[in-house]
Amino acid sequence: KSGCRTQQIVEAQRILLLHRRADTPVAIVKSGYRRRQF
């Protein structure tokens, strides 16, 4: 996702939910091993 591309992640979620359970685990890692890791 970026400032200009906001809907691609929503569409990716929709496609994946056609074949995966809603409770499928997801991890979102920002700036891994860097100062602002989240």
PDB file of all heavy atoms in Angstrom:
ATOM      1  N   LYS A   1       0.853  -1.191   0.000  1.00  0.00           N
ATOM      2  CA  LYS A   1       0.000   0.000   0.000  1.00  0.00           C
ATOM      3  C   LYS A   1       0.886   1.237   0.000  1.00  0.00           C
ATOM      4  O   LYS A   1       1.963   1.257   0.594  1.00  0.00           O
ATOM      5  CB  LYS A   1      -0.901  -0.007   1.245  1.00  0.00           C
ATOM      6  CG  LYS A   1      -1.977   1.058   1.291  1.00  0.00           C
ATOM      7  CD  LYS A   1      -2.839   0.850   2.544  1.00  0.00           C
ATOM      8  CE  LYS A   1      -3.944   1.871   2.651  1.00  0.00           C
ATOM      9  NZ  LYS A   1      -4.767   1.654   3.868  1.00  0.00           N
ATOM     10  N   SER A   2       0.435   2.260  -0.705  1.00  0.00           N
ATOM     11  CA  SER A   2       1.142   3.549  -0.696  1.00  0.00           C
ATOM     12  C   SER A   2       0.112   4.666  -0.617  1.00  0.00           C
ATOM     13  O   SER A   2      -1.098   4.409  -0.602  1.00  0.00           O
ATOM     14  CB  SER A   2       2.000   3.704  -1.960  1.00  0.00           C
ATOM     15  OG  SER A   2       1.182   3.873  -3.099  1.00  0.00           O
ATOM     16  N   GLY A   3       0.594   5.890  -0.624  1.00  0.00           N
ATOM     17  CA  GLY A   3      -0.334   7.019  -0.567  1.00  0.00           C
ATOM     18  C   GLY A   3      -1.259   7.065  -1.762  1.00  0.00           C
ATOM     19  O   GLY A   3      -2.410   7.501  -1.654  1.00  0.00           O
ATOM     20  N   CYS A   4      -0.767   6.613  -2.919  1.00  0.00           N
ATOM     21  CA  CYS A   4      -1.582   6.640  -4.139  1.00  0.00           C
ATOM     22  C   CYS A   4      -2.299   5.318  -4.389  1.00  0.00           C
ATOM     23  O   CYS A   4      -3.298   5.284  -5.106  1.00  0.00           O
ATOM     24  CB  CYS A   4      -0.698   6.968  -5.348  1.00  0.00           C
ATOM     25  SG  CYS A   4       0.076   8.598  -5.268  1.00  0.00           S
ATOM     26  N   ARG A   5      -1.770   4.236  -3.840  1.00  0.00           N
ATOM     27  CA  ARG A   5      -2.350   2.909  -4.073  1.00  0.00           C
ATOM     28  C   ARG A   5      -2.949   2.392  -2.768  1.00  0.00           C
ATOM     29  O   ARG A   5      -2.260   1.823  -1.937  1.00  0.00           O
ATOM     30  CB  ARG A   5      -1.277   1.930  -4.564  1.00  0.00           C
ATOM     31  CG  ARG A   5      -0.706   2.217  -5.932  1.00  0.00           C
ATOM     32  CD  ARG A   5       0.265   1.116  -6.356  1.00  0.00           C
ATOM     33  NE  ARG A   5       1.414   1.030  -5.466  1.00  0.00           N
ATOM     34  CZ  ARG A   5       1.569   0.134  -4.515  1.00  0.00           C
ATOM     35  NH1 ARG A   5       0.614  -0.759  -4.281  1.00  0.00           N
ATOM     36  NH2 ARG A   5       2.646   0.115  -3.750  1.00  0.00           N
ATOM     37  N   THR A   6      -4.217   2.627  -2.597  1.00  0.00           N
ATOM     38  CA  THR A   6      -4.865   2.254  -1.336  1.00  0.00           C
ATOM     39  C   THR A   6      -5.832   1.079  -1.470  1.00  0.00           C
ATOM     40  O   THR A   6      -6.171   0.449  -0.470  1.00  0.00           O
ATOM     41  CB  THR A   6      -5.642   3.453  -0.768  1.00  0.00           C
ATOM     42  OG1 THR A   6      -6.627   3.863  -1.730  1.00  0.00           O
ATOM     43  CG2 THR A   6      -4.695   4.622  -0.489  1.00  0.00           C
ATOM     44  N   GLN A   7      -6.274   0.773  -2.693  1.00  0.00           N
ATOM     45  CA  GLN A   7      -7.309  -0.247  -2.869  1.00  0.00           C
ATOM     46  C   GLN A   7      -6.754  -1.619  -3.224  1.00  0.00           C
ATOM     47  O   GLN A   7      -7.462  -2.625  -3.124  1.00  0.00           O
ATOM     48  CB  GLN A   7      -8.299   0.199  -3.951  1.00  0.00           C
ATOM     49  CG  GLN A   7      -9.155   1.376  -3.521  1.00  0.00           C
ATOM     50  CD  GLN A   7      -9.894   1.096  -2.213  1.00  0.00           C
ATOM     51  OE1 GLN A   7     -10.671   0.149  -2.118  1.00  0.00           O
ATOM     52  NE2 GLN A   7      -9.663   1.929  -1.216  1.00  0.00           N
ATOM     53  N   GLN A   8      -5.481  -1.681  -3.634  1.00  0.00           N
ATOM     54  CA  GLN A   8      -4.920  -2.978  -4.019  1.00  0.00           C
ATOM     55  C   GLN A   8      -4.923  -3.968  -2.858  1.00  0.00           C
ATOM     56  O   GLN A   8      -5.209  -5.149  -3.031  1.00  0.00           O
ATOM     57  CB  GLN A   8      -3.492  -2.798  -4.557  1.00  0.00           C
ATOM     58  CG  GLN A   8      -3.422  -2.280  -5.981  1.00  0.00           C
ATOM     59  CD  GLN A   8      -3.534  -0.769  -6.074  1.00  0.00           C
ATOM     60  OE1 GLN A   8      -3.934  -0.108  -5.116  1.00  0.00           O
ATOM     61  NE2 GLN A   8      -3.194  -0.215  -7.213  1.00  0.00           N
ATOM     62  N   ILE A   9      -4.616  -3.502  -1.649  1.00  0.00           N
ATOM     63  CA  ILE A   9      -4.594  -4.407  -0.503  1.00  0.00           C
ATOM     64  C   ILE A   9      -6.005  -4.892  -0.176  1.00  0.00           C
ATOM     65  O   ILE A   9      -6.204  -6.046   0.242  1.00  0.00           O
ATOM     66  CB  ILE A   9      -3.950  -3.712   0.736  1.00  0.00           C
ATOM     67  CG1 ILE A   9      -3.753  -4.713   1.877  1.00  0.00           C
ATOM     68  CG2 ILE A   9      -4.768  -2.532   1.198  1.00  0.00           C
ATOM     69  CD1 ILE A   9      -2.730  -5.769   1.606  1.00  0.00           C
ATOM     70  N   VAL A  10      -7.002  -4.049  -0.410  1.00  0.00           N
ATOM     71  CA  VAL A  10      -8.401  -4.436  -0.174  1.00  0.00           C
ATOM     72  C   VAL A  10      -8.820  -5.498  -1.184  1.00  0.00           C
ATOM     73  O   VAL A  10      -9.471  -6.489  -0.841  1.00  0.00           O
ATOM     74  CB  VAL A  10      -9.318  -3.206  -0.266  1.00  0.00           C
ATOM     75  CG1 VAL A  10     -10.782  -3.617  -0.107  1.00  0.00           C
ATOM     76  CG2 VAL A  10      -8.935  -2.166   0.781  1.00  0.00           C
ATOM     77  N   GLU A  11      -8.421  -5.300  -2.443  1.00  0.00           N
ATOM     78  CA  GLU A  11      -8.767  -6.270  -3.474  1.00  0.00           C
ATOM     79  C   GLU A  11      -8.021  -7.582  -3.252  1.00  0.00           C
ATOM     80  O   GLU A  11      -8.571  -8.669  -3.457  1.00  0.00           O
ATOM     81  CB  GLU A  11      -8.444  -5.699  -4.855  1.00  0.00           C
ATOM     82  CG  GLU A  11      -8.803  -6.594  -6.032  1.00  0.00           C
ATOM     83  CD  GLU A  11     -10.296  -6.876  -6.161  1.00  0.00           C
ATOM     84  OE1 GLU A  11     -11.099  -6.232  -5.442  1.00  0.00           O
ATOM     85  OE2 GLU A  11     -10.659  -7.763  -6.964  1.00  0.00           O
ATOM     86  N   ALA A  12      -6.766  -7.501  -2.809  1.00  0.00           N
ATOM     87  CA  ALA A  12      -6.005  -8.714  -2.495  1.00  0.00           C
ATOM     88  C   ALA A  12      -6.690  -9.491  -1.378  1.00  0.00           C
ATOM     89  O   ALA A  12      -6.805 -10.727  -1.435  1.00  0.00           O
ATOM     90  CB  ALA A  12      -4.580  -8.342  -2.097  1.00  0.00           C
ATOM     91  N   GLN A  13      -7.163  -8.786  -0.371  1.00  0.00           N
ATOM     92  CA  GLN A  13      -7.886  -9.428   0.724  1.00  0.00           C
ATOM     93  C   GLN A  13      -9.142 -10.133   0.202  1.00  0.00           C
ATOM     94  O   GLN A  13      -9.419 -11.281   0.573  1.00  0.00           O
ATOM     95  CB  GLN A  13      -8.274  -8.378   1.765  1.00  0.00           C
ATOM     96  CG  GLN A  13      -9.090  -8.917   2.922  1.00  0.00           C
ATOM     97  CD  GLN A  13      -9.667  -7.789   3.765  1.00  0.00           C
ATOM     98  OE1 GLN A  13     -10.181  -6.793   3.246  1.00  0.00           O
ATOM     99  NE2 GLN A  13      -9.557  -7.923   5.074  1.00  0.00           N
ATOM    100  N   ARG A  14      -9.879  -9.474  -0.679  1.00  0.00           N
ATOM    101  CA  ARG A  14     -11.109 -10.064  -1.220  1.00  0.00           C
ATOM    102  C   ARG A  14     -10.804 -11.364  -1.976  1.00  0.00           C
ATOM    103  O   ARG A  14     -11.492 -12.385  -1.786  1.00  0.00           O
ATOM    104  CB  ARG A  14     -11.790  -9.074  -2.171  1.00  0.00           C
ATOM    105  CG  ARG A  14     -13.134  -9.576  -2.713  1.00  0.00           C
ATOM    106  CD  ARG A  14     -13.631  -8.723  -3.852  1.00  0.00           C
ATOM    107  NE  ARG A  14     -12.820  -8.878  -5.049  1.00  0.00           N
ATOM    108  CZ  ARG A  14     -12.911  -9.908  -5.885  1.00  0.00           C
ATOM    109  NH1 ARG A  14     -13.785 -10.888  -5.653  1.00  0.00           N
ATOM    110  NH2 ARG A  14     -12.147  -9.969  -6.958  1.00  0.00           N
ATOM    111  N   ILE A  15      -9.755 -11.343  -2.808  1.00  0.00           N
ATOM    112  CA  ILE A  15      -9.395 -12.533  -3.583  1.00  0.00           C
ATOM    113  C   ILE A  15      -8.978 -13.677  -2.665  1.00  0.00           C
ATOM    114  O   ILE A  15      -9.399 -14.826  -2.830  1.00  0.00           O
ATOM    115  CB  ILE A  15      -8.278 -12.196  -4.582  1.00  0.00           C
ATOM    116  CG1 ILE A  15      -8.805 -11.223  -5.657  1.00  0.00           C
ATOM    117  CG2 ILE A  15      -7.727 -13.462  -5.235  1.00  0.00           C
ATOM    118  CD1 ILE A  15      -7.718 -10.651  -6.554  1.00  0.00           C
ATOM    119  N   LEU A  16      -8.159 -13.368  -1.669  1.00  0.00           N
ATOM    120  CA  LEU A  16      -7.685 -14.400  -0.757  1.00  0.00           C
ATOM    121  C   LEU A  16      -8.828 -14.995   0.069  1.00  0.00           C
ATOM    122  O   LEU A  16      -8.850 -16.198   0.347  1.00  0.00           O
ATOM    123  CB  LEU A  16      -6.603 -13.831   0.152  1.00  0.00           C
ATOM    124  CG  LEU A  16      -5.262 -13.529  -0.543  1.00  0.00           C
ATOM    125  CD1 LEU A  16      -4.434 -12.561   0.278  1.00  0.00           C
ATOM    126  CD2 LEU A  16      -4.492 -14.816  -0.784  1.00  0.00           C
ATOM    127  N   LEU A  17      -9.789 -14.152   0.444  1.00  0.00           N
ATOM    128  CA  LEU A  17     -10.914 -14.643   1.249  1.00  0.00           C
ATOM    129  C   LEU A  17     -11.830 -15.585   0.467  1.00  0.00           C
ATOM    130  O   LEU A  17     -12.630 -16.305   1.062  1.00  0.00           O
ATOM    131  CB  LEU A  17     -11.729 -13.464   1.795  1.00  0.00           C
ATOM    132  CG  LEU A  17     -11.155 -12.788   3.041  1.00  0.00           C
ATOM    133  CD1 LEU A  17     -11.898 -11.497   3.354  1.00  0.00           C
ATOM    134  CD2 LEU A  17     -11.191 -13.733   4.243  1.00  0.00           C
ATOM    135  N   LEU A  18     -11.707 -15.589  -0.854  1.00  0.00           N
ATOM    136  CA  LEU A  18     -12.480 -16.550  -1.645  1.00  0.00           C
ATOM    137  C   LEU A  18     -12.016 -17.979  -1.393  1.00  0.00           C
ATOM    138  O   LEU A  18     -12.761 -18.937  -1.618  1.00  0.00           O
ATOM    139  CB  LEU A  18     -12.352 -16.227  -3.141  1.00  0.00           C
ATOM    140  CG  LEU A  18     -12.952 -14.904  -3.619  1.00  0.00           C
ATOM    141  CD1 LEU A  18     -12.616 -14.669  -5.088  1.00  0.00           C
ATOM    142  CD2 LEU A  18     -14.465 -14.891  -3.412  1.00  0.00           C
ATOM    143  N   HIS A  19     -10.761 -18.117  -0.906  1.00  0.00           N
ATOM    144  CA  HIS A  19     -10.181 -19.451  -0.747  1.00  0.00           C
ATOM    145  C   HIS A  19      -9.615 -19.702   0.646  1.00  0.00           C
ATOM    146  O   HIS A  19      -9.171 -20.818   0.935  1.00  0.00           O
ATOM    147  CB  HIS A  19      -9.063 -19.652  -1.773  1.00  0.00           C
ATOM    148  CG  HIS A  19      -9.492 -19.417  -3.188  1.00  0.00           C
ATOM    149  ND1 HIS A  19     -10.198 -20.344  -3.913  1.00  0.00           N
ATOM    150  CD2 HIS A  19      -9.343 -18.345  -4.003  1.00  0.00           C
ATOM    151  CE1 HIS A  19     -10.449 -19.868  -5.107  1.00  0.00           C
ATOM    152  NE2 HIS A  19      -9.943 -18.664  -5.196  1.00  0.00           N
ATOM    153  N   ARG A  20      -9.593 -18.698   1.511  1.00  0.00           N
ATOM    154  CA  ARG A  20      -9.022 -18.853   2.855  1.00  0.00           C
ATOM    155  C   ARG A  20     -10.070 -18.511   3.915  1.00  0.00           C
ATOM    156  O   ARG A  20     -10.956 -17.684   3.689  1.00  0.00           O
ATOM    157  CB  ARG A  20      -7.824 -17.904   3.054  1.00  0.00           C
ATOM    158  CG  ARG A  20      -6.703 -18.060   2.044  1.00  0.00           C
ATOM    159  CD  ARG A  20      -5.784 -19.221   2.400  1.00  0.00           C
ATOM    160  NE  ARG A  20      -4.888 -19.535   1.294  1.00  0.00           N
ATOM    161  CZ  ARG A  20      -3.651 -19.089   1.175  1.00  0.00           C
ATOM    162  NH1 ARG A  20      -3.142 -18.300   2.113  1.00  0.00           N
ATOM    163  NH2 ARG A  20      -2.909 -19.438   0.149  1.00  0.00           N
ATOM    164  N   ARG A  21      -9.927 -19.123   5.077  1.00  0.00           N
ATOM    165  CA  ARG A  21     -10.811 -18.798   6.189  1.00  0.00           C
ATOM    166  C   ARG A  21     -10.589 -17.354   6.629  1.00  0.00           C
ATOM    167  O   ARG A  21      -9.487 -16.804   6.527  1.00  0.00           O
ATOM    168  CB  ARG A  21     -10.552 -19.720   7.376  1.00  0.00           C
ATOM    169  CG  ARG A  21     -10.754 -21.191   7.135  1.00  0.00           C
ATOM    170  CD  ARG A  21     -10.708 -21.945   8.470  1.00  0.00           C
ATOM    171  NE  ARG A  21      -9.639 -21.467   9.317  1.00  0.00           N
ATOM    172  CZ  ARG A  21      -8.399 -21.954   9.314  1.00  0.00           C
ATOM    173  NH1 ARG A  21      -8.077 -22.931   8.469  1.00  0.00           N
ATOM    174  NH2 ARG A  21      -7.476 -21.482  10.141  1.00  0.00           N
ATOM    175  N   ALA A  22     -11.625 -16.762   7.156  1.00  0.00           N
ATOM    176  CA  ALA A  22     -11.527 -15.372   7.633  1.00  0.00           C
ATOM    177  C   ALA A  22     -10.532 -15.244   8.777  1.00  0.00           C
ATOM    178  O   ALA A  22      -9.906 -14.197   8.955  1.00  0.00           O
ATOM    179  CB  ALA A  22     -12.903 -14.875   8.064  1.00  0.00           C
ATOM    180  N   ASP A  23     -10.358 -16.328   9.575  1.00  0.00           N
ATOM    181  CA  ASP A  23      -9.458 -16.255  10.725  1.00  0.00           C
ATOM    182  C   ASP A  23      -8.028 -16.697  10.390  1.00  0.00           C
ATOM    183  O   ASP A  23      -7.217 -16.941  11.287  1.00  0.00           O
ATOM    184  CB  ASP A  23      -9.994 -17.080  11.892  1.00  0.00           C
ATOM    185  CG  ASP A  23     -10.107 -18.568  11.562  1.00  0.00           C
ATOM    186  OD1 ASP A  23      -9.927 -18.934  10.380  1.00  0.00           O
ATOM    187  OD2 ASP A  23     -10.375 -19.360  12.489  1.00  0.00           O
ATOM    188  N   THR A  24      -7.704 -16.784   9.107  1.00  0.00           N
ATOM    189  CA  THR A  24      -6.336 -17.120   8.698  1.00  0.00           C
ATOM    190  C   THR A  24      -5.356 -16.115   9.305  1.00  0.00           C
ATOM    191  O   THR A  24      -5.538 -14.906   9.171  1.00  0.00           O
ATOM    192  CB  THR A  24      -6.210 -17.090   7.164  1.00  0.00           C
ATOM    193  OG1 THR A  24      -7.079 -18.066   6.599  1.00  0.00           O
ATOM    194  CG2 THR A  24      -4.772 -17.367   6.729  1.00  0.00           C
ATOM    195  N   PRO A  25      -4.293 -16.573   9.969  1.00  0.00           N
ATOM    196  CA  PRO A  25      -3.353 -15.643  10.607  1.00  0.00           C
ATOM    197  C   PRO A  25      -2.620 -14.772   9.590  1.00  0.00           C
ATOM    198  O   PRO A  25      -2.237 -15.225   8.511  1.00  0.00           O
ATOM    199  CB  PRO A  25      -2.367 -16.572  11.317  1.00  0.00           C
ATOM    200  CG  PRO A  25      -3.102 -17.862  11.490  1.00  0.00           C
ATOM    201  CD  PRO A  25      -3.982 -17.980  10.287  1.00  0.00           C
ATOM    202  N   VAL A  26      -2.421 -13.515   9.964  1.00  0.00           N
ATOM    203  CA  VAL A  26      -1.689 -12.545   9.142  1.00  0.00           C
ATOM    204  C   VAL A  26      -0.742 -11.764  10.048  1.00  0.00           C
ATOM    205  O   VAL A  26      -1.127 -11.342  11.148  1.00  0.00           O
ATOM    206  CB  VAL A  26      -2.644 -11.567   8.424  1.00  0.00           C
ATOM    207  CG1 VAL A  26      -1.855 -10.462   7.720  1.00  0.00           C
ATOM    208  CG2 VAL A  26      -3.525 -12.314   7.425  1.00  0.00           C
ATOM    209  N   ALA A  27       0.490 -11.584   9.589  1.00  0.00           N
ATOM    210  CA  ALA A  27       1.450 -10.734  10.299  1.00  0.00           C
ATOM    211  C   ALA A  27       1.840  -9.581   9.383  1.00  0.00           C
ATOM    212  O   ALA A  27       2.128  -9.787   8.201  1.00  0.00           O
ATOM    213  CB  ALA A  27       2.686 -11.527  10.696  1.00  0.00           C
ATOM    214  N   ILE A  28       1.843  -8.374   9.931  1.00  0.00           N
ATOM    215  CA  ILE A  28       2.242  -7.184   9.181  1.00  0.00           C
ATOM    216  C   ILE A  28       3.456  -6.596   9.888  1.00  0.00           C
ATOM    217  O   ILE A  28       3.368  -6.197  11.054  1.00  0.00           O
ATOM    218  CB  ILE A  28       1.099  -6.154   9.121  1.00  0.00           C
ATOM    219  CG1 ILE A  28      -0.147  -6.782   8.479  1.00  0.00           C
ATOM    220  CG2 ILE A  28       1.539  -4.906   8.356  1.00  0.00           C
ATOM    221  CD1 ILE A  28      -1.404  -5.960   8.647  1.00  0.00           C
ATOM    222  N   VAL A  29       4.574  -6.587   9.187  1.00  0.00           N
ATOM    223  CA  VAL A  29       5.828  -6.131   9.786  1.00  0.00           C
ATOM    224  C   VAL A  29       6.303  -4.874   9.071  1.00  0.00           C
ATOM    225  O   VAL A  29       6.515  -4.882   7.866  1.00  0.00           O
ATOM    226  CB  VAL A  29       6.916  -7.220   9.719  1.00  0.00           C
ATOM    227  CG1 VAL A  29       8.193  -6.737  10.397  1.00  0.00           C
ATOM    228  CG2 VAL A  29       6.415  -8.515  10.353  1.00  0.00           C
ATOM    229  N   LYS A  30       6.465  -3.814   9.833  1.00  0.00           N
ATOM    230  CA  LYS A  30       6.976  -2.548   9.279  1.00  0.00           C
ATOM    231  C   LYS A  30       8.417  -2.345   9.742  1.00  0.00           C
ATOM    232  O   LYS A  30       8.728  -2.512  10.921  1.00  0.00           O
ATOM    233  CB  LYS A  30       6.107  -1.382   9.759  1.00  0.00           C
ATOM    234  CG  LYS A  30       6.590  -0.012   9.292  1.00  0.00           C
ATOM    235  CD  LYS A  30       5.693   1.088   9.828  1.00  0.00           C
ATOM    236  CE  LYS A  30       6.175   2.467   9.399  1.00  0.00           C
ATOM    237  NZ  LYS A  30       5.325   3.546   9.948  1.00  0.00           N
ATOM    238  N   SER A  31       9.295  -2.047   8.782  1.00  0.00           N
ATOM    239  CA  SER A  31      10.697  -1.711   9.091  1.00  0.00           C
ATOM    240  C   SER A  31      11.355  -2.769   9.974  1.00  0.00           C
ATOM    241  O   SER A  31      11.925  -2.449  11.018  1.00  0.00           O
ATOM    242  CB  SER A  31      10.775  -0.335   9.753  1.00  0.00           C
ATOM    243  OG  SER A  31      10.238   0.664   8.911  1.00  0.00           O
ATOM    244  N   GLY A  32      11.269  -4.024   9.537  1.00  0.00           N
ATOM    245  CA  GLY A  32      11.843  -5.107  10.321  1.00  0.00           C
ATOM    246  C   GLY A  32      13.320  -4.918  10.613  1.00  0.00           C
ATOM    247  O   GLY A  32      14.105  -4.615   9.730  1.00  0.00           O
ATOM    248  N   TYR A  33      13.688  -5.061  11.873  1.00  0.00           N
ATOM    249  CA  TYR A  33      15.057  -4.921  12.368  1.00  0.00           C
ATOM    250  C   TYR A  33      15.602  -3.495  12.211  1.00  0.00           C
ATOM    251  O   TYR A  33      16.812  -3.302  12.270  1.00  0.00           O
ATOM    252  CB  TYR A  33      16.004  -5.921  11.671  1.00  0.00           C
ATOM    253  CG  TYR A  33      15.775  -7.342  12.073  1.00  0.00           C
ATOM    254  CD1 TYR A  33      15.145  -8.224  11.204  1.00  0.00           C
ATOM    255  CD2 TYR A  33      16.170  -7.813  13.318  1.00  0.00           C
ATOM    256  CE1 TYR A  33      14.920  -9.554  11.554  1.00  0.00           C
ATOM    257  CE2 TYR A  33      15.955  -9.141  13.680  1.00  0.00           C
ATOM    258  CZ  TYR A  33      15.326  -9.996  12.800  1.00  0.00           C
ATOM    259  OH  TYR A  33      15.103 -11.304  13.155  1.00  0.00           O
ATOM    260  N   ARG A  34      14.713  -2.543  12.044  1.00  0.00           N
ATOM    261  CA  ARG A  34      15.163  -1.157  11.946  1.00  0.00           C
ATOM    262  C   ARG A  34      14.588  -0.353  13.108  1.00  0.00           C
ATOM    263  O   ARG A  34      13.812  -0.849  13.915  1.00  0.00           O
ATOM    264  CB  ARG A  34      14.752  -0.546  10.595  1.00  0.00           C
ATOM    265  CG  ARG A  34      15.394  -1.257   9.409  1.00  0.00           C
ATOM    266  CD  ARG A  34      14.997  -0.642   8.095  1.00  0.00           C
ATOM    267  NE  ARG A  34      15.476  -1.454   6.972  1.00  0.00           N
ATOM    268  CZ  ARG A  34      15.146  -1.231   5.701  1.00  0.00           C
ATOM    269  NH1 ARG A  34      14.342  -0.219   5.391  1.00  0.00           N
ATOM    270  NH2 ARG A  34      15.617  -2.002   4.748  1.00  0.00           N
ATOM    271  N   ARG A  35      14.960   0.904  13.158  1.00  0.00           N
ATOM    272  CA  ARG A  35      14.670   1.724  14.340  1.00  0.00           C
ATOM    273  C   ARG A  35      13.181   1.826  14.637  1.00  0.00           C
ATOM    274  O   ARG A  35      12.771   1.844  15.795  1.00  0.00           O
ATOM    275  CB  ARG A  35      15.272   3.125  14.130  1.00  0.00           C
ATOM    276  CG  ARG A  35      15.154   4.046  15.334  1.00  0.00           C
ATOM    277  CD  ARG A  35      16.087   5.224  15.176  1.00  0.00           C
ATOM    278  NE  ARG A  35      15.860   5.936  13.933  1.00  0.00           N
ATOM    279  CZ  ARG A  35      14.982   6.942  13.804  1.00  0.00           C
ATOM    280  NH1 ARG A  35      14.250   7.320  14.849  1.00  0.00           N
ATOM    281  NH2 ARG A  35      14.836   7.562  12.664  1.00  0.00           N
ATOM    282  N   ARG A  36      12.361   1.895  13.632  1.00  0.00           N
ATOM    283  CA  ARG A  36      10.920   2.083  13.848  1.00  0.00           C
ATOM    284  C   ARG A  36      10.138   0.794  13.575  1.00  0.00           C
ATOM    285  O   ARG A  36       9.009   0.825  13.092  1.00  0.00           O
ATOM    286  CB  ARG A  36      10.405   3.209  12.965  1.00  0.00           C
ATOM    287  CG  ARG A  36      11.013   4.553  13.341  1.00  0.00           C
ATOM    288  CD  ARG A  36      10.473   5.675  12.490  1.00  0.00           C
ATOM    289  NE  ARG A  36      11.058   6.964  12.877  1.00  0.00           N
ATOM    290  CZ  ARG A  36      10.813   8.118  12.266  1.00  0.00           C
ATOM    291  NH1 ARG A  36       9.985   8.151  11.221  1.00  0.00           N
ATOM    292  NH2 ARG A  36      11.390   9.236  12.668  1.00  0.00           N
ATOM    293  N   GLN A  37      10.726  -0.310  13.904  1.00  0.00           N
ATOM    294  CA  GLN A  37      10.067  -1.598  13.722  1.00  0.00           C
ATOM    295  C   GLN A  37       8.716  -1.626  14.427  1.00  0.00           C
ATOM    296  O   GLN A  37       8.579  -1.204  15.569  1.00  0.00           O
ATOM    297  CB  GLN A  37      10.966  -2.707  14.270  1.00  0.00           C
ATOM    298  CG  GLN A  37      10.327  -4.097  14.239  1.00  0.00           C
ATOM    299  CD  GLN A  37      11.250  -5.145  14.810  1.00  0.00           C
ATOM    300  OE1 GLN A  37      12.334  -5.367  14.282  1.00  0.00           O
ATOM    301  NE2 GLN A  37      10.827  -5.793  15.902  1.00  0.00           N
ATOM    302  N   PHE A  38       7.709  -2.171  13.710  1.00  0.00           N
ATOM    303  CA  PHE A  38       6.358  -2.253  14.272  1.00  0.00           C
ATOM    304  C   PHE A  38       5.696  -3.511  13.711  1.00  0.00           C
ATOM    305  O   PHE A  38       5.661  -3.713  12.497  1.00  0.00           O
ATOM    306  CB  PHE A  38       5.549  -1.009  13.905  1.00  0.00           C
ATOM    307  CG  PHE A  38       4.140  -1.007  14.425  1.00  0.00           C
ATOM    308  CD1 PHE A  38       3.871  -1.224  15.771  1.00  0.00           C
ATOM    309  CD2 PHE A  38       3.064  -0.792  13.563  1.00  0.00           C
ATOM    310  CE1 PHE A  38       2.569  -1.212  16.253  1.00  0.00           C
ATOM    311  CE2 PHE A  38       1.760  -0.778  14.032  1.00  0.00           C
ATOM    312  CZ  PHE A  38       1.514  -0.984  15.391  1.00  0.00           C
TER     313      PHE A  38
END
